[in-house]
N, C-alpha and C. Protein backbone atom coordinates (compact mmCIF):
# COMPACT_ATOMS: atom_id res chain seq x y z
N MET A 1 -33.54 -16.20 27.08
CA MET A 1 -33.62 -17.56 26.56
C MET A 1 -33.53 -17.53 25.04
N THR A 2 -32.58 -18.25 24.48
CA THR A 2 -32.47 -18.38 23.04
C THR A 2 -32.23 -19.84 22.71
N LEU A 3 -33.01 -20.37 21.76
CA LEU A 3 -32.89 -21.75 21.34
C LEU A 3 -32.72 -21.74 19.82
N ALA A 4 -31.76 -22.49 19.32
CA ALA A 4 -31.56 -22.55 17.88
C ALA A 4 -32.80 -23.12 17.21
N PHE A 5 -33.23 -22.49 16.11
CA PHE A 5 -34.43 -22.94 15.42
C PHE A 5 -34.30 -24.41 14.99
N ALA A 6 -33.13 -24.80 14.51
CA ALA A 6 -32.93 -26.18 14.06
C ALA A 6 -33.15 -27.16 15.21
N ASP A 7 -32.68 -26.80 16.39
CA ASP A 7 -32.87 -27.67 17.56
C ASP A 7 -34.34 -27.74 17.93
N ALA A 8 -35.02 -26.59 17.89
CA ALA A 8 -36.45 -26.56 18.22
C ALA A 8 -37.24 -27.41 17.24
N ALA A 9 -36.91 -27.29 15.95
CA ALA A 9 -37.62 -28.07 14.93
C ALA A 9 -37.43 -29.56 15.15
N ARG A 10 -36.22 -29.97 15.44
CA ARG A 10 -35.94 -31.39 15.68
C ARG A 10 -36.73 -31.90 16.88
N GLU A 11 -36.80 -31.12 17.94
CA GLU A 11 -37.51 -31.55 19.15
C GLU A 11 -39.02 -31.61 18.90
N LEU A 12 -39.56 -30.66 18.14
CA LEU A 12 -41.00 -30.68 17.86
C LEU A 12 -41.37 -31.89 17.02
N VAL A 13 -40.52 -32.26 16.07
CA VAL A 13 -40.78 -33.45 15.25
C VAL A 13 -40.86 -34.69 16.15
N ALA A 14 -39.93 -34.81 17.09
CA ALA A 14 -39.91 -35.96 17.99
C ALA A 14 -41.15 -35.99 18.87
N VAL A 15 -41.57 -34.83 19.39
CA VAL A 15 -42.76 -34.76 20.24
C VAL A 15 -44.00 -35.09 19.42
N GLY A 16 -44.07 -34.57 18.20
CA GLY A 16 -45.22 -34.88 17.34
C GLY A 16 -45.38 -36.37 17.12
N ARG A 17 -44.31 -37.05 16.88
CA ARG A 17 -44.36 -38.51 16.67
C ARG A 17 -44.80 -39.23 17.95
N ARG A 18 -44.32 -38.73 19.07
CA ARG A 18 -44.69 -39.37 20.35
C ARG A 18 -46.18 -39.20 20.64
N LEU A 19 -46.71 -38.00 20.42
CA LEU A 19 -48.13 -37.77 20.66
C LEU A 19 -49.00 -38.52 19.66
N ASP A 20 -48.55 -38.59 18.42
CA ASP A 20 -49.28 -39.34 17.40
C ASP A 20 -49.37 -40.81 17.76
N ALA A 21 -48.28 -41.36 18.27
CA ALA A 21 -48.25 -42.78 18.65
C ALA A 21 -49.24 -43.09 19.76
N ARG A 22 -49.58 -42.09 20.57
CA ARG A 22 -50.55 -42.29 21.64
C ARG A 22 -51.99 -42.05 21.20
N GLY A 23 -52.18 -41.61 19.96
CA GLY A 23 -53.53 -41.35 19.46
C GLY A 23 -54.13 -40.06 19.99
N TRP A 24 -53.28 -39.10 20.34
CA TRP A 24 -53.76 -37.84 20.93
C TRP A 24 -53.83 -36.70 19.91
N VAL A 25 -53.35 -36.95 18.68
CA VAL A 25 -53.38 -35.92 17.63
C VAL A 25 -53.80 -36.56 16.31
N LEU A 26 -54.93 -37.25 16.32
CA LEU A 26 -55.39 -37.97 15.14
C LEU A 26 -55.70 -37.02 13.98
N GLY A 27 -55.69 -37.58 12.77
CA GLY A 27 -55.87 -36.75 11.60
C GLY A 27 -54.75 -35.72 11.55
N THR A 28 -55.10 -34.49 11.30
CA THR A 28 -54.08 -33.43 11.34
C THR A 28 -54.32 -32.52 12.54
N SER A 29 -55.00 -33.05 13.56
CA SER A 29 -55.35 -32.25 14.74
C SER A 29 -54.13 -31.95 15.59
N GLY A 30 -54.33 -31.02 16.53
CA GLY A 30 -53.28 -30.67 17.47
C GLY A 30 -52.29 -29.68 16.90
N ASN A 31 -51.57 -29.03 17.77
CA ASN A 31 -50.51 -28.12 17.36
C ASN A 31 -49.50 -27.97 18.49
N LEU A 32 -48.26 -27.71 18.13
CA LEU A 32 -47.15 -27.74 19.07
C LEU A 32 -46.24 -26.54 18.81
N SER A 33 -45.73 -25.96 19.88
CA SER A 33 -44.81 -24.83 19.69
C SER A 33 -43.78 -24.78 20.80
N VAL A 34 -42.67 -24.13 20.50
CA VAL A 34 -41.62 -23.91 21.49
C VAL A 34 -41.05 -22.51 21.26
N VAL A 35 -40.72 -21.84 22.35
CA VAL A 35 -40.15 -20.49 22.27
C VAL A 35 -38.68 -20.60 21.84
N ILE A 36 -38.33 -19.80 20.82
CA ILE A 36 -36.94 -19.72 20.39
C ILE A 36 -36.25 -18.54 21.08
N ASP A 37 -36.97 -17.42 21.13
CA ASP A 37 -36.43 -16.22 21.76
C ASP A 37 -37.59 -15.40 22.31
N ARG A 38 -37.33 -14.59 23.32
CA ARG A 38 -38.38 -13.77 23.93
C ARG A 38 -38.27 -12.30 23.57
N GLN A 39 -37.09 -11.83 23.23
CA GLN A 39 -36.87 -10.40 22.93
C GLN A 39 -36.14 -10.26 21.60
N PRO A 40 -36.86 -10.13 20.49
CA PRO A 40 -38.32 -10.17 20.38
C PRO A 40 -38.83 -11.60 20.40
N LEU A 41 -40.13 -11.76 20.66
CA LEU A 41 -40.70 -13.10 20.75
C LEU A 41 -40.66 -13.80 19.40
N ARG A 42 -40.15 -15.02 19.42
CA ARG A 42 -40.16 -15.88 18.23
C ARG A 42 -40.50 -17.29 18.67
N LEU A 43 -41.39 -17.93 17.92
CA LEU A 43 -41.82 -19.29 18.22
C LEU A 43 -41.53 -20.20 17.03
N ALA A 44 -41.16 -21.44 17.32
CA ALA A 44 -41.18 -22.50 16.32
C ALA A 44 -42.51 -23.21 16.52
N ILE A 45 -43.30 -23.36 15.46
CA ILE A 45 -44.64 -23.91 15.59
C ILE A 45 -44.94 -24.85 14.43
N THR A 46 -45.78 -25.84 14.68
CA THR A 46 -46.13 -26.79 13.64
C THR A 46 -47.04 -26.14 12.61
N PRO A 47 -46.93 -26.56 11.35
CA PRO A 47 -47.77 -25.98 10.30
C PRO A 47 -49.19 -26.52 10.33
N SER A 48 -50.08 -25.81 9.71
CA SER A 48 -51.48 -26.22 9.63
C SER A 48 -51.64 -27.39 8.65
N GLY A 49 -52.56 -28.30 8.97
CA GLY A 49 -52.94 -29.36 8.04
C GLY A 49 -51.92 -30.45 7.83
N VAL A 50 -51.09 -30.72 8.83
CA VAL A 50 -50.05 -31.75 8.70
C VAL A 50 -50.23 -32.81 9.78
N PHE A 51 -50.10 -34.08 9.40
CA PHE A 51 -50.12 -35.16 10.38
C PHE A 51 -48.93 -35.01 11.31
N LYS A 52 -49.18 -35.02 12.61
CA LYS A 52 -48.09 -34.77 13.56
C LYS A 52 -47.09 -35.92 13.60
N GLY A 53 -47.52 -37.10 13.20
CA GLY A 53 -46.58 -38.22 13.13
C GLY A 53 -45.69 -38.16 11.90
N ASP A 54 -46.04 -37.27 10.96
CA ASP A 54 -45.27 -37.14 9.72
C ASP A 54 -44.53 -35.81 9.63
N LEU A 55 -44.40 -35.11 10.73
CA LEU A 55 -43.69 -33.84 10.70
C LEU A 55 -42.25 -34.01 10.24
N ALA A 56 -41.77 -32.99 9.54
CA ALA A 56 -40.37 -32.96 9.12
C ALA A 56 -39.74 -31.66 9.63
N GLU A 57 -38.46 -31.71 9.92
CA GLU A 57 -37.80 -30.54 10.48
C GLU A 57 -37.91 -29.33 9.55
N ASP A 58 -37.85 -29.55 8.23
CA ASP A 58 -37.92 -28.42 7.31
C ASP A 58 -39.34 -27.93 7.09
N GLY A 59 -40.32 -28.56 7.76
CA GLY A 59 -41.69 -28.12 7.68
C GLY A 59 -42.12 -27.26 8.86
N ILE A 60 -41.30 -27.23 9.91
CA ILE A 60 -41.62 -26.41 11.09
C ILE A 60 -41.48 -24.93 10.72
N ILE A 61 -42.39 -24.11 11.25
CA ILE A 61 -42.46 -22.69 10.89
C ILE A 61 -41.94 -21.83 12.04
N GLU A 62 -41.25 -20.76 11.69
CA GLU A 62 -40.83 -19.77 12.68
C GLU A 62 -41.73 -18.55 12.55
N MET A 63 -42.30 -18.09 13.67
CA MET A 63 -43.19 -16.93 13.61
C MET A 63 -42.87 -15.95 14.73
N ASP A 64 -43.34 -14.72 14.55
CA ASP A 64 -43.10 -13.69 15.55
C ASP A 64 -44.36 -13.44 16.38
N ALA A 65 -44.34 -12.40 17.20
CA ALA A 65 -45.45 -12.14 18.12
C ALA A 65 -46.72 -11.70 17.42
N THR A 66 -46.62 -11.34 16.16
CA THR A 66 -47.81 -10.95 15.39
C THR A 66 -48.34 -12.12 14.56
N GLU A 67 -47.73 -13.29 14.73
CA GLU A 67 -48.06 -14.51 13.98
C GLU A 67 -47.58 -14.46 12.54
N ALA A 68 -46.71 -13.50 12.23
CA ALA A 68 -46.13 -13.41 10.90
C ALA A 68 -44.99 -14.43 10.78
N ILE A 69 -44.90 -15.07 9.61
CA ILE A 69 -43.85 -16.04 9.36
C ILE A 69 -42.52 -15.33 9.16
N ILE A 70 -41.49 -15.85 9.79
CA ILE A 70 -40.13 -15.35 9.62
C ILE A 70 -39.43 -16.27 8.63
N GLY A 71 -38.89 -15.71 7.57
CA GLY A 71 -38.21 -16.53 6.58
C GLY A 71 -39.18 -17.08 5.55
N PRO A 72 -38.69 -17.98 4.70
CA PRO A 72 -39.47 -18.44 3.56
C PRO A 72 -40.47 -19.54 3.86
N GLY A 73 -40.69 -19.90 5.09
CA GLY A 73 -41.53 -21.01 5.52
C GLY A 73 -42.36 -21.72 4.47
N PRO A 74 -42.42 -23.04 4.50
CA PRO A 74 -43.11 -23.83 3.48
C PRO A 74 -44.63 -23.87 3.64
N GLY A 75 -45.16 -23.41 4.73
CA GLY A 75 -46.60 -23.49 4.96
C GLY A 75 -47.06 -22.32 5.78
N ARG A 76 -48.19 -22.50 6.44
CA ARG A 76 -48.69 -21.44 7.32
C ARG A 76 -48.81 -21.99 8.74
N PRO A 77 -48.70 -21.14 9.74
CA PRO A 77 -48.80 -21.61 11.12
C PRO A 77 -50.19 -22.18 11.40
N SER A 78 -50.28 -22.96 12.44
CA SER A 78 -51.57 -23.45 12.89
C SER A 78 -52.56 -22.30 13.03
N ALA A 79 -53.83 -22.58 12.75
CA ALA A 79 -54.87 -21.56 12.92
C ALA A 79 -54.94 -21.08 14.36
N GLU A 80 -54.42 -21.87 15.29
CA GLU A 80 -54.50 -21.53 16.71
C GLU A 80 -53.20 -20.91 17.22
N ALA A 81 -52.41 -20.37 16.31
CA ALA A 81 -51.14 -19.76 16.71
C ALA A 81 -51.34 -18.66 17.75
N ALA A 82 -52.45 -17.92 17.63
CA ALA A 82 -52.71 -16.83 18.58
C ALA A 82 -52.87 -17.36 20.00
N LEU A 83 -53.39 -18.57 20.13
CA LEU A 83 -53.56 -19.16 21.46
C LEU A 83 -52.21 -19.53 22.06
N HIS A 84 -51.32 -20.04 21.24
CA HIS A 84 -49.97 -20.36 21.71
C HIS A 84 -49.28 -19.09 22.19
N ARG A 85 -49.35 -18.04 21.37
CA ARG A 85 -48.71 -16.79 21.75
C ARG A 85 -49.27 -16.26 23.07
N GLU A 86 -50.59 -16.36 23.25
CA GLU A 86 -51.22 -15.85 24.47
C GLU A 86 -50.75 -16.63 25.69
N ILE A 87 -50.67 -17.94 25.58
CA ILE A 87 -50.22 -18.76 26.71
C ILE A 87 -48.77 -18.46 27.05
N VAL A 88 -47.93 -18.33 26.03
CA VAL A 88 -46.52 -17.99 26.24
C VAL A 88 -46.39 -16.65 26.96
N GLN A 89 -47.14 -15.67 26.53
CA GLN A 89 -47.02 -14.34 27.10
C GLN A 89 -47.65 -14.24 28.49
N THR A 90 -48.78 -14.92 28.70
CA THR A 90 -49.46 -14.83 29.99
C THR A 90 -48.81 -15.71 31.05
N ARG A 91 -48.39 -16.90 30.65
CA ARG A 91 -47.81 -17.85 31.60
C ARG A 91 -46.28 -17.80 31.65
N GLY A 92 -45.66 -17.15 30.68
CA GLY A 92 -44.21 -17.19 30.60
C GLY A 92 -43.71 -18.56 30.19
N ALA A 93 -44.55 -19.31 29.47
CA ALA A 93 -44.22 -20.68 29.09
C ALA A 93 -43.10 -20.71 28.04
N GLY A 94 -42.37 -21.80 28.04
CA GLY A 94 -41.34 -22.01 27.03
C GLY A 94 -41.80 -22.92 25.92
N ALA A 95 -42.94 -23.60 26.13
CA ALA A 95 -43.51 -24.49 25.11
C ALA A 95 -44.99 -24.68 25.40
N VAL A 96 -45.76 -24.89 24.33
CA VAL A 96 -47.20 -25.09 24.43
C VAL A 96 -47.58 -26.28 23.55
N LEU A 97 -48.38 -27.19 24.10
CA LEU A 97 -48.81 -28.38 23.36
C LEU A 97 -50.32 -28.52 23.44
N HIS A 98 -50.92 -28.84 22.31
CA HIS A 98 -52.38 -28.97 22.21
C HIS A 98 -52.73 -30.33 21.62
N THR A 99 -53.55 -31.10 22.34
CA THR A 99 -53.95 -32.43 21.89
C THR A 99 -55.47 -32.48 21.68
N HIS A 100 -55.89 -33.50 20.94
CA HIS A 100 -57.30 -33.71 20.64
C HIS A 100 -57.70 -35.14 21.03
N SER A 101 -57.41 -35.53 22.23
CA SER A 101 -57.71 -36.91 22.64
C SER A 101 -59.21 -37.12 22.84
N ILE A 102 -59.60 -38.38 22.84
CA ILE A 102 -61.00 -38.74 23.10
C ILE A 102 -61.43 -38.25 24.47
N TRP A 103 -60.61 -38.50 25.50
CA TRP A 103 -61.03 -38.20 26.87
C TRP A 103 -61.09 -36.71 27.14
N SER A 104 -60.16 -35.93 26.58
CA SER A 104 -60.25 -34.49 26.78
C SER A 104 -61.49 -33.92 26.10
N THR A 105 -61.85 -34.49 24.97
CA THR A 105 -63.03 -34.03 24.24
C THR A 105 -64.31 -34.39 24.99
N VAL A 106 -64.42 -35.64 25.42
CA VAL A 106 -65.63 -36.11 26.12
C VAL A 106 -65.81 -35.37 27.44
N LEU A 107 -64.75 -35.27 28.24
CA LEU A 107 -64.88 -34.65 29.56
C LEU A 107 -65.08 -33.14 29.46
N SER A 108 -64.54 -32.53 28.41
CA SER A 108 -64.74 -31.09 28.25
C SER A 108 -66.21 -30.78 28.01
N ASP A 109 -66.92 -31.71 27.42
CA ASP A 109 -68.35 -31.52 27.19
C ASP A 109 -69.15 -31.87 28.45
N ALA A 110 -68.78 -32.98 29.08
CA ALA A 110 -69.53 -33.46 30.25
C ALA A 110 -69.46 -32.49 31.42
N HIS A 111 -68.35 -31.76 31.57
CA HIS A 111 -68.16 -30.88 32.73
C HIS A 111 -68.21 -29.40 32.37
N ALA A 112 -68.65 -29.09 31.16
CA ALA A 112 -68.69 -27.69 30.72
C ALA A 112 -69.60 -26.85 31.59
N GLY A 113 -70.70 -27.42 32.05
CA GLY A 113 -71.65 -26.67 32.87
C GLY A 113 -71.05 -26.19 34.17
N ALA A 114 -70.05 -26.91 34.68
CA ALA A 114 -69.39 -26.53 35.94
C ALA A 114 -68.24 -25.56 35.68
N GLY A 115 -67.93 -25.32 34.43
CA GLY A 115 -66.84 -24.41 34.11
C GLY A 115 -65.46 -25.01 34.25
N GLY A 116 -65.41 -26.29 34.60
CA GLY A 116 -64.12 -26.94 34.76
C GLY A 116 -64.25 -28.28 35.43
N LEU A 117 -63.13 -28.92 35.64
CA LEU A 117 -63.07 -30.27 36.20
C LEU A 117 -62.02 -30.30 37.31
N MET A 118 -62.42 -30.76 38.50
CA MET A 118 -61.49 -30.90 39.61
C MET A 118 -60.99 -32.34 39.67
N ILE A 119 -59.69 -32.52 39.75
CA ILE A 119 -59.09 -33.85 39.87
C ILE A 119 -58.24 -33.88 41.12
N GLU A 120 -58.45 -34.87 41.95
CA GLU A 120 -57.68 -34.99 43.19
C GLU A 120 -57.52 -36.45 43.59
N GLY A 121 -56.51 -36.71 44.41
CA GLY A 121 -56.33 -38.04 44.99
C GLY A 121 -55.50 -39.00 44.17
N TYR A 122 -55.01 -38.58 43.02
CA TYR A 122 -54.24 -39.48 42.17
C TYR A 122 -52.74 -39.23 42.33
N GLU A 123 -51.97 -40.28 42.47
CA GLU A 123 -50.52 -40.17 42.59
C GLU A 123 -49.91 -39.45 41.39
N MET A 124 -50.49 -39.65 40.21
CA MET A 124 -49.93 -39.05 39.00
C MET A 124 -49.99 -37.52 39.02
N LEU A 125 -50.77 -36.95 39.90
CA LEU A 125 -50.80 -35.49 40.01
C LEU A 125 -49.40 -34.93 40.33
N LYS A 126 -48.57 -35.75 40.97
CA LYS A 126 -47.23 -35.30 41.35
C LYS A 126 -46.32 -35.12 40.14
N GLY A 127 -46.80 -35.52 38.96
CA GLY A 127 -46.04 -35.26 37.75
C GLY A 127 -46.20 -33.84 37.24
N LEU A 128 -47.14 -33.10 37.82
CA LEU A 128 -47.33 -31.71 37.44
C LEU A 128 -46.34 -30.83 38.19
N GLU A 129 -45.77 -29.87 37.51
CA GLU A 129 -44.74 -29.03 38.10
C GLU A 129 -45.25 -28.36 39.38
N GLY A 130 -44.47 -28.51 40.46
CA GLY A 130 -44.79 -27.88 41.73
C GLY A 130 -45.72 -28.66 42.63
N VAL A 131 -46.24 -29.79 42.15
CA VAL A 131 -47.17 -30.61 42.95
C VAL A 131 -46.37 -31.69 43.67
N THR A 132 -46.58 -31.83 44.98
CA THR A 132 -45.77 -32.76 45.77
C THR A 132 -46.59 -33.82 46.48
N SER A 133 -47.92 -33.78 46.34
CA SER A 133 -48.76 -34.74 47.05
C SER A 133 -49.93 -35.18 46.19
N HIS A 134 -50.33 -36.45 46.38
CA HIS A 134 -51.51 -36.95 45.67
C HIS A 134 -52.78 -36.27 46.18
N GLU A 135 -52.69 -35.59 47.31
CA GLU A 135 -53.86 -34.90 47.86
C GLU A 135 -54.11 -33.55 47.17
N HIS A 136 -53.24 -33.17 46.29
CA HIS A 136 -53.40 -31.93 45.53
C HIS A 136 -54.74 -31.93 44.78
N ARG A 137 -55.36 -30.76 44.69
CA ARG A 137 -56.61 -30.60 43.94
C ARG A 137 -56.31 -29.75 42.71
N GLU A 138 -56.39 -30.37 41.55
CA GLU A 138 -56.08 -29.68 40.30
C GLU A 138 -57.36 -29.28 39.58
N TRP A 139 -57.55 -27.98 39.40
CA TRP A 139 -58.70 -27.46 38.69
C TRP A 139 -58.32 -27.24 37.23
N ILE A 140 -59.04 -27.88 36.33
CA ILE A 140 -58.80 -27.72 34.89
C ILE A 140 -59.97 -26.95 34.31
N PRO A 141 -59.79 -25.67 33.99
CA PRO A 141 -60.88 -24.87 33.44
C PRO A 141 -61.34 -25.39 32.08
N ILE A 142 -62.61 -25.17 31.78
CA ILE A 142 -63.18 -25.52 30.48
C ILE A 142 -63.76 -24.27 29.85
N LEU A 143 -63.33 -23.95 28.65
CA LEU A 143 -63.81 -22.78 27.92
C LEU A 143 -64.59 -23.25 26.70
N ASP A 144 -65.61 -22.51 26.33
CA ASP A 144 -66.31 -22.80 25.09
C ASP A 144 -65.39 -22.54 23.91
N ASN A 145 -65.49 -23.39 22.91
CA ASN A 145 -64.70 -23.24 21.71
C ASN A 145 -65.17 -22.01 20.92
N ASP A 146 -64.31 -21.49 20.06
CA ASP A 146 -64.64 -20.29 19.29
C ASP A 146 -63.76 -20.28 18.05
N GLN A 147 -64.32 -20.03 16.88
CA GLN A 147 -63.52 -19.97 15.66
C GLN A 147 -62.84 -18.61 15.49
N ASP A 148 -63.19 -17.63 16.30
CA ASP A 148 -62.49 -16.35 16.31
C ASP A 148 -61.32 -16.48 17.29
N MET A 149 -60.13 -16.76 16.76
CA MET A 149 -59.00 -17.10 17.61
C MET A 149 -58.53 -15.95 18.48
N HIS A 150 -58.64 -14.73 18.01
CA HIS A 150 -58.19 -13.62 18.84
C HIS A 150 -59.17 -13.34 19.98
N ARG A 151 -60.46 -13.54 19.73
CA ARG A 151 -61.43 -13.42 20.82
C ARG A 151 -61.21 -14.54 21.84
N LEU A 152 -60.97 -15.76 21.34
CA LEU A 152 -60.71 -16.88 22.23
C LEU A 152 -59.42 -16.66 23.02
N ALA A 153 -58.42 -16.10 22.37
CA ALA A 153 -57.15 -15.82 23.07
C ALA A 153 -57.38 -14.87 24.24
N GLY A 154 -58.27 -13.89 24.06
CA GLY A 154 -58.57 -12.98 25.15
C GLY A 154 -59.23 -13.68 26.31
N ARG A 155 -60.12 -14.61 26.03
CA ARG A 155 -60.78 -15.37 27.10
C ARG A 155 -59.80 -16.30 27.79
N ILE A 156 -58.87 -16.84 27.03
CA ILE A 156 -57.83 -17.68 27.63
C ILE A 156 -56.95 -16.85 28.56
N ARG A 157 -56.58 -15.67 28.12
CA ARG A 157 -55.77 -14.79 28.97
C ARG A 157 -56.48 -14.51 30.30
N ALA A 158 -57.76 -14.19 30.23
CA ALA A 158 -58.52 -13.91 31.45
C ALA A 158 -58.58 -15.13 32.35
N THR A 159 -58.74 -16.31 31.76
CA THR A 159 -58.81 -17.55 32.54
C THR A 159 -57.48 -17.84 33.22
N LEU A 160 -56.39 -17.69 32.50
CA LEU A 160 -55.07 -17.99 33.07
C LEU A 160 -54.71 -17.01 34.18
N ILE A 161 -55.16 -15.77 34.05
CA ILE A 161 -54.92 -14.80 35.12
C ILE A 161 -55.77 -15.13 36.34
N ALA A 162 -57.02 -15.55 36.11
CA ALA A 162 -57.92 -15.88 37.22
C ALA A 162 -57.55 -17.20 37.89
N GLN A 163 -56.90 -18.10 37.16
CA GLN A 163 -56.54 -19.43 37.67
C GLN A 163 -55.03 -19.63 37.55
N PRO A 164 -54.26 -18.92 38.34
CA PRO A 164 -52.80 -18.95 38.16
C PRO A 164 -52.15 -20.30 38.48
N ALA A 165 -52.86 -21.18 39.20
CA ALA A 165 -52.27 -22.46 39.58
C ALA A 165 -52.56 -23.58 38.59
N CYS A 166 -53.43 -23.35 37.62
CA CYS A 166 -53.79 -24.45 36.71
C CYS A 166 -52.63 -24.78 35.78
N HIS A 167 -52.54 -26.06 35.41
CA HIS A 167 -51.50 -26.53 34.51
C HIS A 167 -52.02 -26.80 33.10
N ALA A 168 -53.33 -26.69 32.92
CA ALA A 168 -53.93 -27.01 31.62
C ALA A 168 -55.33 -26.43 31.58
N PHE A 169 -55.90 -26.37 30.38
CA PHE A 169 -57.32 -26.06 30.24
C PHE A 169 -57.88 -26.85 29.07
N LEU A 170 -59.20 -27.00 29.05
CA LEU A 170 -59.88 -27.71 27.99
C LEU A 170 -60.74 -26.74 27.18
N LEU A 171 -60.81 -26.97 25.89
CA LEU A 171 -61.78 -26.29 25.05
C LEU A 171 -62.92 -27.27 24.79
N ARG A 172 -64.15 -26.83 25.00
CA ARG A 172 -65.29 -27.72 24.94
C ARG A 172 -65.42 -28.41 23.57
N ARG A 173 -65.56 -29.73 23.63
CA ARG A 173 -65.69 -30.58 22.44
C ARG A 173 -64.52 -30.40 21.46
N HIS A 174 -63.38 -30.04 22.01
CA HIS A 174 -62.23 -29.72 21.16
C HIS A 174 -60.99 -30.45 21.62
N GLY A 175 -60.46 -30.10 22.78
CA GLY A 175 -59.24 -30.76 23.23
C GLY A 175 -58.61 -30.04 24.40
N MET A 176 -57.33 -30.34 24.62
CA MET A 176 -56.63 -29.86 25.80
C MET A 176 -55.39 -29.06 25.41
N TYR A 177 -55.12 -28.01 26.18
CA TYR A 177 -53.89 -27.23 26.07
C TYR A 177 -53.13 -27.35 27.38
N THR A 178 -51.83 -27.54 27.26
CA THR A 178 -50.96 -27.45 28.43
C THR A 178 -49.64 -26.83 27.99
N TRP A 179 -48.75 -26.60 28.92
CA TRP A 179 -47.53 -25.84 28.64
C TRP A 179 -46.47 -26.20 29.67
N GLY A 180 -45.30 -25.65 29.51
CA GLY A 180 -44.23 -25.88 30.46
C GLY A 180 -43.11 -24.89 30.25
N ASP A 181 -42.19 -24.84 31.19
CA ASP A 181 -41.03 -23.96 31.05
C ASP A 181 -40.17 -24.41 29.88
N THR A 182 -40.16 -25.71 29.63
CA THR A 182 -39.41 -26.30 28.53
C THR A 182 -40.33 -27.24 27.76
N LEU A 183 -39.89 -27.66 26.59
CA LEU A 183 -40.69 -28.61 25.82
C LEU A 183 -40.81 -29.94 26.56
N PHE A 184 -39.75 -30.36 27.23
CA PHE A 184 -39.81 -31.60 28.00
C PHE A 184 -40.87 -31.51 29.10
N GLN A 185 -40.90 -30.38 29.80
CA GLN A 185 -41.89 -30.22 30.87
C GLN A 185 -43.30 -30.18 30.30
N ALA A 186 -43.49 -29.51 29.17
CA ALA A 186 -44.81 -29.46 28.54
C ALA A 186 -45.25 -30.86 28.12
N LEU A 187 -44.33 -31.66 27.59
CA LEU A 187 -44.66 -33.03 27.19
C LEU A 187 -45.04 -33.85 28.42
N ARG A 188 -44.29 -33.67 29.50
CA ARG A 188 -44.65 -34.38 30.74
C ARG A 188 -46.05 -34.00 31.19
N HIS A 189 -46.39 -32.74 31.10
CA HIS A 189 -47.72 -32.30 31.50
C HIS A 189 -48.80 -32.90 30.60
N VAL A 190 -48.54 -32.99 29.30
CA VAL A 190 -49.50 -33.65 28.41
C VAL A 190 -49.76 -35.06 28.89
N GLU A 191 -48.71 -35.82 29.13
CA GLU A 191 -48.88 -37.23 29.48
C GLU A 191 -49.56 -37.38 30.83
N ILE A 192 -49.23 -36.53 31.78
CA ILE A 192 -49.86 -36.60 33.09
C ILE A 192 -51.34 -36.23 33.00
N VAL A 193 -51.65 -35.12 32.35
CA VAL A 193 -53.05 -34.68 32.27
C VAL A 193 -53.88 -35.66 31.46
N GLU A 194 -53.34 -36.17 30.37
CA GLU A 194 -54.10 -37.15 29.58
C GLU A 194 -54.36 -38.42 30.39
N PHE A 195 -53.39 -38.85 31.18
CA PHE A 195 -53.61 -40.01 32.06
C PHE A 195 -54.74 -39.73 33.05
N LEU A 196 -54.69 -38.55 33.67
CA LEU A 196 -55.69 -38.21 34.67
C LEU A 196 -57.09 -38.09 34.05
N LEU A 197 -57.18 -37.50 32.87
CA LEU A 197 -58.48 -37.39 32.22
C LEU A 197 -59.04 -38.77 31.89
N GLU A 198 -58.20 -39.66 31.41
CA GLU A 198 -58.69 -41.00 31.10
C GLU A 198 -59.10 -41.75 32.37
N ALA A 199 -58.32 -41.57 33.43
CA ALA A 199 -58.67 -42.24 34.69
C ALA A 199 -60.02 -41.75 35.20
N VAL A 200 -60.26 -40.44 35.12
CA VAL A 200 -61.55 -39.88 35.56
C VAL A 200 -62.66 -40.35 34.64
N GLY A 201 -62.41 -40.34 33.34
CA GLY A 201 -63.43 -40.75 32.38
C GLY A 201 -63.82 -42.20 32.53
N ARG A 202 -62.87 -43.06 32.75
CA ARG A 202 -63.17 -44.50 32.88
C ARG A 202 -63.88 -44.82 34.19
N ARG A 203 -63.74 -43.94 35.16
CA ARG A 203 -64.37 -44.15 36.47
C ARG A 203 -65.86 -43.91 36.41
N LYS A 204 -66.32 -43.14 35.43
CA LYS A 204 -67.73 -42.77 35.36
C LYS A 204 -68.63 -43.99 35.13
């Protein structure tokens, strides 16, 4: 798989604006990435400290598997770049999206004691890749947040290996991560999971 960096940057800018319009990446929160190449691994990723609704194509950063910037990049990668790399490598994802919505934050705290949140019975579950029935039971793991990103990346790897069917996970009092084979699929997963989290939250 090879994707031109310019195309990846343009697509990430569009996704950033879409997520910002929904209020899921307020302030400078959230981070977005797409795989450009796998051999060697290269990612296009949003820079740290930038409003996602104000992203510009020339502000997107290219990084390698060690999180080193390729080229003269204007900024630095998101502090959570290691988490993106881990999800790409463990899941084989082509894109990773991280949001900081109200409902993902609230529910990640409310259900942390159970280690996750089970969602079932909603028609919108069929928007998740491979799901064909509203009777599907989707387990969304919840991990404690950690400012040591490489330690957190290791816990994420263990979770994704233990829960191979999950489409997303929550970081407690932080937000939601999801992914997809393509950026379009990852965006679809964001919208589906955010809908489901809000539906569950409003039901309480």
